[in-house]
């Protein structure tokens, strides 16, 4: 019984922590360009060159977190239903 209670408590702690993270910092680094806004390429000599702008984040280097996206969608649906 105590093992199940511990598992539920850990799940609640992780969920609460992610909710606070989405509330305080709704944007995270882009997964494709790692927050740089562009990729890196190397030439034949091995020197790095700036690549093209990232299309996934529109060269901002930021993306909206999944939890914040879900919250925004739910809030938008709620506002549209109460008009």
PDB file of N, CA and C in Angstrom:
ATOM      1  N   UNK A   1       0.824  -1.193   0.000  1.00  0.00           N
ATOM      2  CA  UNK A   1       0.000   0.000   0.000  1.00  0.00           C
ATOM      3  C   UNK A   1       0.872   1.261   0.000  1.00  0.00           C
ATOM      4  N   UNK A   2       1.939   1.260   0.773  1.00  0.00           N
ATOM      5  CA  UNK A   2       2.775   2.456   0.861  1.00  0.00           C
ATOM      6  C   UNK A   2       3.566   2.687  -0.432  1.00  0.00           C
ATOM      7  N   UNK A   3       3.872   1.614  -1.163  1.00  0.00           N
ATOM      8  CA  UNK A   3       4.582   1.767  -2.432  1.00  0.00           C
ATOM      9  C   UNK A   3       3.702   2.489  -3.462  1.00  0.00           C
ATOM     10  N   UNK A   4       2.428   2.149  -3.506  1.00  0.00           N
ATOM     11  CA  UNK A   4       1.502   2.819  -4.421  1.00  0.00           C
ATOM     12  C   UNK A   4       1.336   4.288  -4.030  1.00  0.00           C
ATOM     13  N   UNK A   5       1.281   4.549  -2.742  1.00  0.00           N
ATOM     14  CA  UNK A   5       1.151   5.926  -2.267  1.00  0.00           C
ATOM     15  C   UNK A   5       2.400   6.738  -2.622  1.00  0.00           C
ATOM     16  N   UNK A   6       3.552   6.140  -2.511  1.00  0.00           N
ATOM     17  CA  UNK A   6       4.801   6.798  -2.883  1.00  0.00           C
ATOM     18  C   UNK A   6       4.835   7.097  -4.381  1.00  0.00           C
ATOM     19  N   UNK A   7       4.383   6.155  -5.197  1.00  0.00           N
ATOM     20  CA  UNK A   7       4.357   6.361  -6.645  1.00  0.00           C
ATOM     21  C   UNK A   7       3.416   7.505  -7.023  1.00  0.00           C
ATOM     22  N   UNK A   8       2.251   7.557  -6.385  1.00  0.00           N
ATOM     23  CA  UNK A   8       1.295   8.632  -6.661  1.00  0.00           C
ATOM     24  C   UNK A   8       1.869   9.972  -6.224  1.00  0.00           C
ATOM     25  N   UNK A   9       2.527   9.996  -5.086  1.00  0.00           N
ATOM     26  CA  UNK A   9       3.130  11.240  -4.603  1.00  0.00           C
ATOM     27  C   UNK A   9       4.229  11.722  -5.551  1.00  0.00           C
ATOM     28  N   UNK A  10       5.030  10.804  -6.060  1.00  0.00           N
ATOM     29  CA  UNK A  10       6.090  11.181  -7.019  1.00  0.00           C
ATOM     30  C   UNK A  10       5.497  11.714  -8.317  1.00  0.00           C
ATOM     31  N   UNK A  11       4.442  11.072  -8.807  1.00  0.00           N
ATOM     32  CA  UNK A  11       3.776  11.548 -10.024  1.00  0.00           C
ATOM     33  C   UNK A  11       3.190  12.938  -9.822  1.00  0.00           C
ATOM     34  N   UNK A  12       2.577  13.160  -8.671  1.00  0.00           N
ATOM     35  CA  UNK A  12       2.007  14.477  -8.388  1.00  0.00           C
ATOM     36  C   UNK A  12       3.099  15.543  -8.295  1.00  0.00           C
ATOM     37  N   UNK A  13       4.232  15.195  -7.708  1.00  0.00           N
ATOM     38  CA  UNK A  13       5.348  16.126  -7.586  1.00  0.00           C
ATOM     39  C   UNK A  13       5.911  16.499  -8.961  1.00  0.00           C
ATOM     40  N   UNK A  14       6.082  15.501  -9.824  1.00  0.00           N
ATOM     41  CA  UNK A  14       6.596  15.762 -11.168  1.00  0.00           C
ATOM     42  C   UNK A  14       5.608  16.608 -11.962  1.00  0.00           C
ATOM     43  N   UNK A  15       4.319  16.299 -11.868  1.00  0.00           N
ATOM     44  CA  UNK A  15       3.294  17.055 -12.585  1.00  0.00           C
ATOM     45  C   UNK A  15       3.241  18.494 -12.097  1.00  0.00           C
ATOM     46  N   UNK A  16       3.290  18.687 -10.790  1.00  0.00           N
ATOM     47  CA  UNK A  16       3.273  20.042 -10.238  1.00  0.00           C
ATOM     48  C   UNK A  16       4.519  20.814 -10.664  1.00  0.00           C
ATOM     49  N   UNK A  17       5.657  20.170 -10.647  1.00  0.00           N
ATOM     50  CA  UNK A  17       6.893  20.829 -11.064  1.00  0.00           C
ATOM     51  C   UNK A  17       6.864  21.251 -12.521  1.00  0.00           C
ATOM     52  N   UNK A  18       6.337  20.396 -13.400  1.00  0.00           N
ATOM     53  CA  UNK A  18       6.245  20.737 -14.819  1.00  0.00           C
ATOM     54  C   UNK A  18       5.244  21.869 -15.037  1.00  0.00           C
ATOM     55  N   UNK A  19       4.149  21.864 -14.267  1.00  0.00           N
ATOM     56  CA  UNK A  19       3.163  22.938 -14.374  1.00  0.00           C
ATOM     57  C   UNK A  19       3.772  24.281 -13.987  1.00  0.00           C
ATOM     58  N   UNK A  20       4.549  24.291 -12.934  1.00  0.00           N
ATOM     59  CA  UNK A  20       5.217  25.531 -12.509  1.00  0.00           C
ATOM     60  C   UNK A  20       6.227  25.977 -13.563  1.00  0.00           C
ATOM     61  N   UNK A  21       6.948  25.035 -14.146  1.00  0.00           N
ATOM     62  CA  UNK A  21       7.904  25.371 -15.196  1.00  0.00           C
ATOM     63  C   UNK A  21       7.200  25.984 -16.402  1.00  0.00           C
ATOM     64  N   UNK A  22       6.069  25.403 -16.807  1.00  0.00           N
ATOM     65  CA  UNK A  22       5.312  25.947 -17.941  1.00  0.00           C
ATOM     66  C   UNK A  22       4.750  27.323 -17.625  1.00  0.00           C
ATOM     67  N   UNK A  23       4.416  27.565 -16.366  1.00  0.00           N
ATOM     68  CA  UNK A  23       3.861  28.855 -15.973  1.00  0.00           C
ATOM     69  C   UNK A  23       4.942  29.935 -15.946  1.00  0.00           C
ATOM     70  N   UNK A  24       6.096  29.610 -15.373  1.00  0.00           N
ATOM     71  CA  UNK A  24       7.169  30.594 -15.236  1.00  0.00           C
ATOM     72  C   UNK A  24       7.957  30.794 -16.528  1.00  0.00           C
ATOM     73  N   UNK A  25       8.164  29.728 -17.286  1.00  0.00           N
ATOM     74  CA  UNK A  25       8.949  29.806 -18.513  1.00  0.00           C
ATOM     75  C   UNK A  25       8.222  29.043 -19.616  1.00  0.00           C
ATOM     76  N   UNK A  26       7.267  29.698 -20.305  1.00  0.00           N
ATOM     77  CA  UNK A  26       6.468  28.982 -21.301  1.00  0.00           C
ATOM     78  C   UNK A  26       7.232  28.582 -22.558  1.00  0.00           C
ATOM     79  N   UNK A  27       8.395  29.168 -22.787  1.00  0.00           N
ATOM     80  CA  UNK A  27       9.172  28.847 -23.982  1.00  0.00           C
ATOM     81  C   UNK A  27      10.452  28.125 -23.599  1.00  0.00           C
ATOM     82  N   UNK A  28      10.789  27.097 -24.370  1.00  0.00           N
ATOM     83  CA  UNK A  28      12.025  26.353 -24.183  1.00  0.00           C
ATOM     84  C   UNK A  28      12.863  26.448 -25.442  1.00  0.00           C
ATOM     85  N   UNK A  29      14.055  25.907 -25.398  1.00  0.00           N
ATOM     86  CA  UNK A  29      14.924  25.913 -26.570  1.00  0.00           C
ATOM     87  C   UNK A  29      14.374  24.991 -27.651  1.00  0.00           C
ATOM     88  N   UNK A  30      14.573  25.378 -28.883  1.00  0.00           N
ATOM     89  CA  UNK A  30      14.166  24.562 -30.027  1.00  0.00           C
ATOM     90  C   UNK A  30      14.987  23.277 -30.022  1.00  0.00           C
ATOM     91  N   UNK A  31      14.332  22.152 -30.281  1.00  0.00           N
ATOM     92  CA  UNK A  31      15.027  20.869 -30.259  1.00  0.00           C
ATOM     93  C   UNK A  31      15.906  20.667 -31.487  1.00  0.00           C
ATOM     94  N   UNK A  32      15.536  21.276 -32.571  1.00  0.00           N
ATOM     95  CA  UNK A  32      16.299  21.057 -33.803  1.00  0.00           C
ATOM     96  C   UNK A  32      17.606  21.858 -33.822  1.00  0.00           C
ATOM     97  N   UNK A  33      17.528  23.141 -33.461  1.00  0.00           N
ATOM     98  CA  UNK A  33      18.734  23.980 -33.539  1.00  0.00           C
ATOM     99  C   UNK A  33      19.360  24.226 -32.171  1.00  0.00           C
ATOM    100  N   UNK A  34      18.813  23.623 -31.125  1.00  0.00           N
ATOM    101  CA  UNK A  34      19.337  23.739 -29.761  1.00  0.00           C
ATOM    102  C   UNK A  34      19.381  25.180 -29.279  1.00  0.00           C
ATOM    103  N   UNK A  35      18.372  25.976 -29.684  1.00  0.00           N
ATOM    104  CA  UNK A  35      18.263  27.349 -29.214  1.00  0.00           C
ATOM    105  C   UNK A  35      19.132  28.358 -29.937  1.00  0.00           C
ATOM    106  N   UNK A  36      19.811  27.953 -30.990  1.00  0.00           N
ATOM    107  CA  UNK A  36      20.699  28.866 -31.704  1.00  0.00           C
ATOM    108  C   UNK A  36      19.984  29.628 -32.817  1.00  0.00           C
ATOM    109  N   UNK A  37      18.910  29.084 -33.359  1.00  0.00           N
ATOM    110  CA  UNK A  37      18.193  29.749 -34.440  1.00  0.00           C
ATOM    111  C   UNK A  37      18.707  29.387 -35.817  1.00  0.00           C
ATOM    112  N   UNK A  38      19.822  28.673 -35.859  1.00  0.00           N
ATOM    113  CA  UNK A  38      20.389  28.245 -37.139  1.00  0.00           C
ATOM    114  C   UNK A  38      21.251  27.017 -36.893  1.00  0.00           C
ATOM    115  N   UNK A  39      21.520  26.318 -37.933  1.00  0.00           N
ATOM    116  CA  UNK A  39      22.356  25.138 -37.828  1.00  0.00           C
ATOM    117  C   UNK A  39      23.815  25.464 -38.082  1.00  0.00           C
ATOM    118  N   UNK A  40      24.662  24.483 -37.894  1.00  0.00           N
ATOM    119  CA  UNK A  40      26.082  24.649 -38.165  1.00  0.00           C
ATOM    120  C   UNK A  40      26.510  23.608 -39.189  1.00  0.00           C
ATOM    121  N   UNK A  41      27.362  24.022 -40.081  1.00  0.00           N
ATOM    122  CA  UNK A  41      27.934  23.112 -41.060  1.00  0.00           C
ATOM    123  C   UNK A  41      29.437  23.235 -40.990  1.00  0.00           C
ATOM    124  N   UNK A  42      30.113  22.233 -41.471  1.00  0.00           N
ATOM    125  CA  UNK A  42      31.574  22.294 -41.525  1.00  0.00           C
ATOM    126  C   UNK A  42      32.015  22.274 -42.980  1.00  0.00           C
ATOM    127  N   UNK A  43      33.074  22.992 -43.257  1.00  0.00           N
ATOM    128  CA  UNK A  43      33.619  22.951 -44.614  1.00  0.00           C
ATOM    129  C   UNK A  43      34.590  21.776 -44.720  1.00  0.00           C
ATOM    130  N   UNK A  44      35.278  21.684 -45.843  1.00  0.00           N
ATOM    131  CA  UNK A  44      36.172  20.544 -46.059  1.00  0.00           C
ATOM    132  C   UNK A  44      37.354  20.520 -45.097  1.00  0.00           C
ATOM    133  N   UNK A  45      37.729  21.673 -44.569  1.00  0.00           N
ATOM    134  CA  UNK A  45      38.848  21.735 -43.642  1.00  0.00           C
ATOM    135  C   UNK A  45      38.420  21.514 -42.190  1.00  0.00           C
ATOM    136  N   UNK A  46      37.109  21.351 -41.945  1.00  0.00           N
ATOM    137  CA  UNK A  46      36.623  21.097 -40.599  1.00  0.00           C
ATOM    138  C   UNK A  46      36.234  22.332 -39.825  1.00  0.00           C
ATOM    139  N   UNK A  47      36.306  23.502 -40.441  1.00  0.00           N
ATOM    140  CA  UNK A  47      35.913  24.733 -39.753  1.00  0.00           C
ATOM    141  C   UNK A  47      34.390  24.858 -39.786  1.00  0.00           C
ATOM    142  N   UNK A  48      33.834  25.357 -38.699  1.00  0.00           N
ATOM    143  CA  UNK A  48      32.378  25.487 -38.643  1.00  0.00           C
ATOM    144  C   UNK A  48      31.937  26.752 -39.358  1.00  0.00           C
ATOM    145  N   UNK A  49      30.819  26.630 -40.041  1.00  0.00           N
ATOM    146  CA  UNK A  49      30.210  27.752 -40.733  1.00  0.00           C
ATOM    147  C   UNK A  49      28.755  27.814 -40.282  1.00  0.00           C
ATOM    148  N   UNK A  50      28.202  29.009 -40.297  1.00  0.00           N
ATOM    149  CA  UNK A  50      26.803  29.184 -39.922  1.00  0.00           C
ATOM    150  C   UNK A  50      25.938  28.601 -41.037  1.00  0.00           C
ATOM    151  N   UNK A  51      24.975  27.753 -40.640  1.00  0.00           N
ATOM    152  CA  UNK A  51      24.084  27.140 -41.603  1.00  0.00           C
ATOM    153  C   UNK A  51      22.855  27.993 -41.854  1.00  0.00           C
ATOM    154  N   UNK A  52      21.859  27.394 -42.463  1.00  0.00           N
ATOM    155  CA  UNK A  52      20.619  28.089 -42.769  1.00  0.00           C
ATOM    156  C   UNK A  52      19.812  28.327 -41.496  1.00  0.00           C
ATOM    157  N   UNK A  53      18.895  29.287 -41.570  1.00  0.00           N
ATOM    158  CA  UNK A  53      18.006  29.553 -40.448  1.00  0.00           C
ATOM    159  C   UNK A  53      17.092  28.353 -40.210  1.00  0.00           C
ATOM    160  N   UNK A  54      16.776  28.114 -38.951  1.00  0.00           N
ATOM    161  CA  UNK A  54      15.935  26.983 -38.574  1.00  0.00           C
ATOM    162  C   UNK A  54      14.488  27.257 -38.983  1.00  0.00           C
ATOM    163  N   UNK A  55      13.891  26.323 -39.704  1.00  0.00           N
ATOM    164  CA  UNK A  55      12.513  26.492 -40.139  1.00  0.00           C
ATOM    165  C   UNK A  55      11.521  26.110 -39.053  1.00  0.00           C
ATOM    166  N   UNK A  56      11.942  25.295 -38.121  1.00  0.00           N
ATOM    167  CA  UNK A  56      11.023  24.836 -37.075  1.00  0.00           C
ATOM    168  C   UNK A  56      10.656  25.966 -36.109  1.00  0.00           C
ATOM    169  N   UNK A  57      11.633  26.805 -35.760  1.00  0.00           N
ATOM    170  CA  UNK A  57      11.378  27.886 -34.801  1.00  0.00           C
ATOM    171  C   UNK A  57      11.398  29.260 -35.460  1.00  0.00           C
ATOM    172  N   UNK A  58      11.484  29.328 -36.772  1.00  0.00           N
ATOM    173  CA  UNK A  58      11.587  30.582 -37.525  1.00  0.00           C
ATOM    174  C   UNK A  58      12.780  31.419 -37.076  1.00  0.00           C
ATOM    175  N   UNK A  59      13.880  30.759 -36.787  1.00  0.00           N
ATOM    176  CA  UNK A  59      15.160  31.373 -36.419  1.00  0.00           C
ATOM    177  C   UNK A  59      15.101  32.145 -35.114  1.00  0.00           C
ATOM    178  N   UNK A  60      14.128  31.856 -34.233  1.00  0.00           N
ATOM    179  CA  UNK A  60      14.079  32.504 -32.924  1.00  0.00           C
ATOM    180  C   UNK A  60      14.849  31.700 -31.886  1.00  0.00           C
ATOM    181  N   UNK A  61      14.971  30.397 -32.093  1.00  0.00           N
ATOM    182  CA  UNK A  61      15.659  29.538 -31.142  1.00  0.00           C
ATOM    183  C   UNK A  61      14.762  29.075 -30.014  1.00  0.00           C
ATOM    184  N   UNK A  62      13.495  29.495 -30.022  1.00  0.00           N
ATOM    185  CA  UNK A  62      12.570  29.148 -28.945  1.00  0.00           C
ATOM    186  C   UNK A  62      11.365  28.407 -29.499  1.00  0.00           C
ATOM    187  N   UNK A  63      10.753  27.580 -28.652  1.00  0.00           N
ATOM    188  CA  UNK A  63       9.521  26.876 -28.989  1.00  0.00           C
ATOM    189  C   UNK A  63       8.625  26.904 -27.763  1.00  0.00           C
ATOM    190  N   UNK A  64       7.342  26.739 -27.956  1.00  0.00           N
ATOM    191  CA  UNK A  64       6.420  26.719 -26.829  1.00  0.00           C
ATOM    192  C   UNK A  64       6.402  25.316 -26.239  1.00  0.00           C
ATOM    193  N   UNK A  65       6.401  25.227 -24.920  1.00  0.00           N
ATOM    194  CA  UNK A  65       6.393  23.927 -24.254  1.00  0.00           C
ATOM    195  C   UNK A  65       5.053  23.225 -24.479  1.00  0.00           C
ATOM    196  N   UNK A  66       5.062  21.907 -24.439  1.00  0.00           N
ATOM    197  CA  UNK A  66       3.855  21.118 -24.695  1.00  0.00           C
ATOM    198  C   UNK A  66       2.779  21.431 -23.664  1.00  0.00           C
ATOM    199  N   UNK A  67       3.160  21.507 -22.398  1.00  0.00           N
ATOM    200  CA  UNK A  67       2.182  21.804 -21.353  1.00  0.00           C
ATOM    201  C   UNK A  67       1.553  23.167 -21.525  1.00  0.00           C
ATOM    202  N   UNK A  68       2.335  24.155 -21.918  1.00  0.00           N
ATOM    203  CA  UNK A  68       1.799  25.496 -22.144  1.00  0.00           C
ATOM    204  C   UNK A  68       0.902  25.513 -23.365  1.00  0.00           C
ATOM    205  N   UNK A  69       1.243  24.740 -24.389  1.00  0.00           N
ATOM    206  CA  UNK A  69       0.412  24.656 -25.587  1.00  0.00           C
ATOM    207  C   UNK A  69      -0.952  24.074 -25.243  1.00  0.00           C
ATOM    208  N   UNK A  70      -0.968  23.026 -24.411  1.00  0.00           N
ATOM    209  CA  UNK A  70      -2.228  22.407 -23.987  1.00  0.00           C
ATOM    210  C   UNK A  70      -3.048  23.399 -23.166  1.00  0.00           C
ATOM    211  N   UNK A  71      -2.398  24.128 -22.255  1.00  0.00           N
ATOM    212  CA  UNK A  71      -3.109  25.124 -21.453  1.00  0.00           C
ATOM    213  C   UNK A  71      -3.707  26.217 -22.335  1.00  0.00           C
ATOM    214  N   UNK A  72      -2.931  26.724 -23.297  1.00  0.00           N
ATOM    215  CA  UNK A  72      -3.437  27.770 -24.187  1.00  0.00           C
ATOM    216  C   UNK A  72      -4.632  27.283 -24.988  1.00  0.00           C
ATOM    217  N   UNK A  73      -4.569  26.061 -25.476  1.00  0.00           N
ATOM    218  CA  UNK A  73      -5.676  25.506 -26.252  1.00  0.00           C
ATOM    219  C   UNK A  73      -6.931  25.357 -25.389  1.00  0.00           C
ATOM    220  N   UNK A  74      -6.781  24.868 -24.151  1.00  0.00           N
ATOM    221  CA  UNK A  74      -7.925  24.705 -23.250  1.00  0.00           C
ATOM    222  C   UNK A  74      -8.520  26.064 -22.878  1.00  0.00           C
ATOM    223  N   UNK A  75      -7.678  27.050 -22.619  1.00  0.00           N
ATOM    224  CA  UNK A  75      -8.173  28.379 -22.265  1.00  0.00           C
ATOM    225  C   UNK A  75      -8.906  29.019 -23.440  1.00  0.00           C
ATOM    226  N   UNK A  76      -8.385  28.847 -24.644  1.00  0.00           N
ATOM    227  CA  UNK A  76      -9.031  29.395 -25.837  1.00  0.00           C
ATOM    228  C   UNK A  76     -10.397  28.742 -26.067  1.00  0.00           C
ATOM    229  N   UNK A  77     -10.482  27.430 -25.865  1.00  0.00           N
ATOM    230  CA  UNK A  77     -11.750  26.718 -26.020  1.00  0.00           C
ATOM    231  C   UNK A  77     -12.750  27.164 -24.957  1.00  0.00           C
ATOM    232  N   UNK A  78     -12.287  27.358 -23.728  1.00  0.00           N
ATOM    233  CA  UNK A  78     -13.158  27.799 -22.648  1.00  0.00           C
ATOM    234  C   UNK A  78     -13.699  29.205 -22.931  1.00  0.00           C
ATOM    235  N   UNK A  79     -12.833  30.109 -23.369  1.00  0.00           N
ATOM    236  CA  UNK A  79     -13.278  31.465 -23.670  1.00  0.00           C
ATOM    237  C   UNK A  79     -14.270  31.490 -24.809  1.00  0.00           C
ATOM    238  N   UNK A  80     -14.049  30.647 -25.827  1.00  0.00           N
ATOM    239  CA  UNK A  80     -14.961  30.602 -26.963  1.00  0.00           C
ATOM    240  C   UNK A  80     -16.312  30.021 -26.562  1.00  0.00           C
ATOM    241  N   UNK A  81     -16.340  29.132 -25.582  1.00  0.00           N
ATOM    242  CA  UNK A  81     -17.595  28.513 -25.159  1.00  0.00           C
ATOM    243  C   UNK A  81     -18.401  29.351 -24.200  1.00  0.00           C
ATOM    244  N   UNK A  82     -17.798  30.365 -23.582  1.00  0.00           N
ATOM    245  CA  UNK A  82     -18.517  31.184 -22.618  1.00  0.00           C
ATOM    246  C   UNK A  82     -18.920  32.544 -23.172  1.00  0.00           C
ATOM    247  N   UNK A  83     -18.801  32.720 -24.452  1.00  0.00           N
ATOM    248  CA  UNK A  83     -19.202  34.010 -25.052  1.00  0.00           C
ATOM    249  C   UNK A  83     -20.682  34.066 -25.247  1.00  0.00           C
TER     250      UNK A  83
END
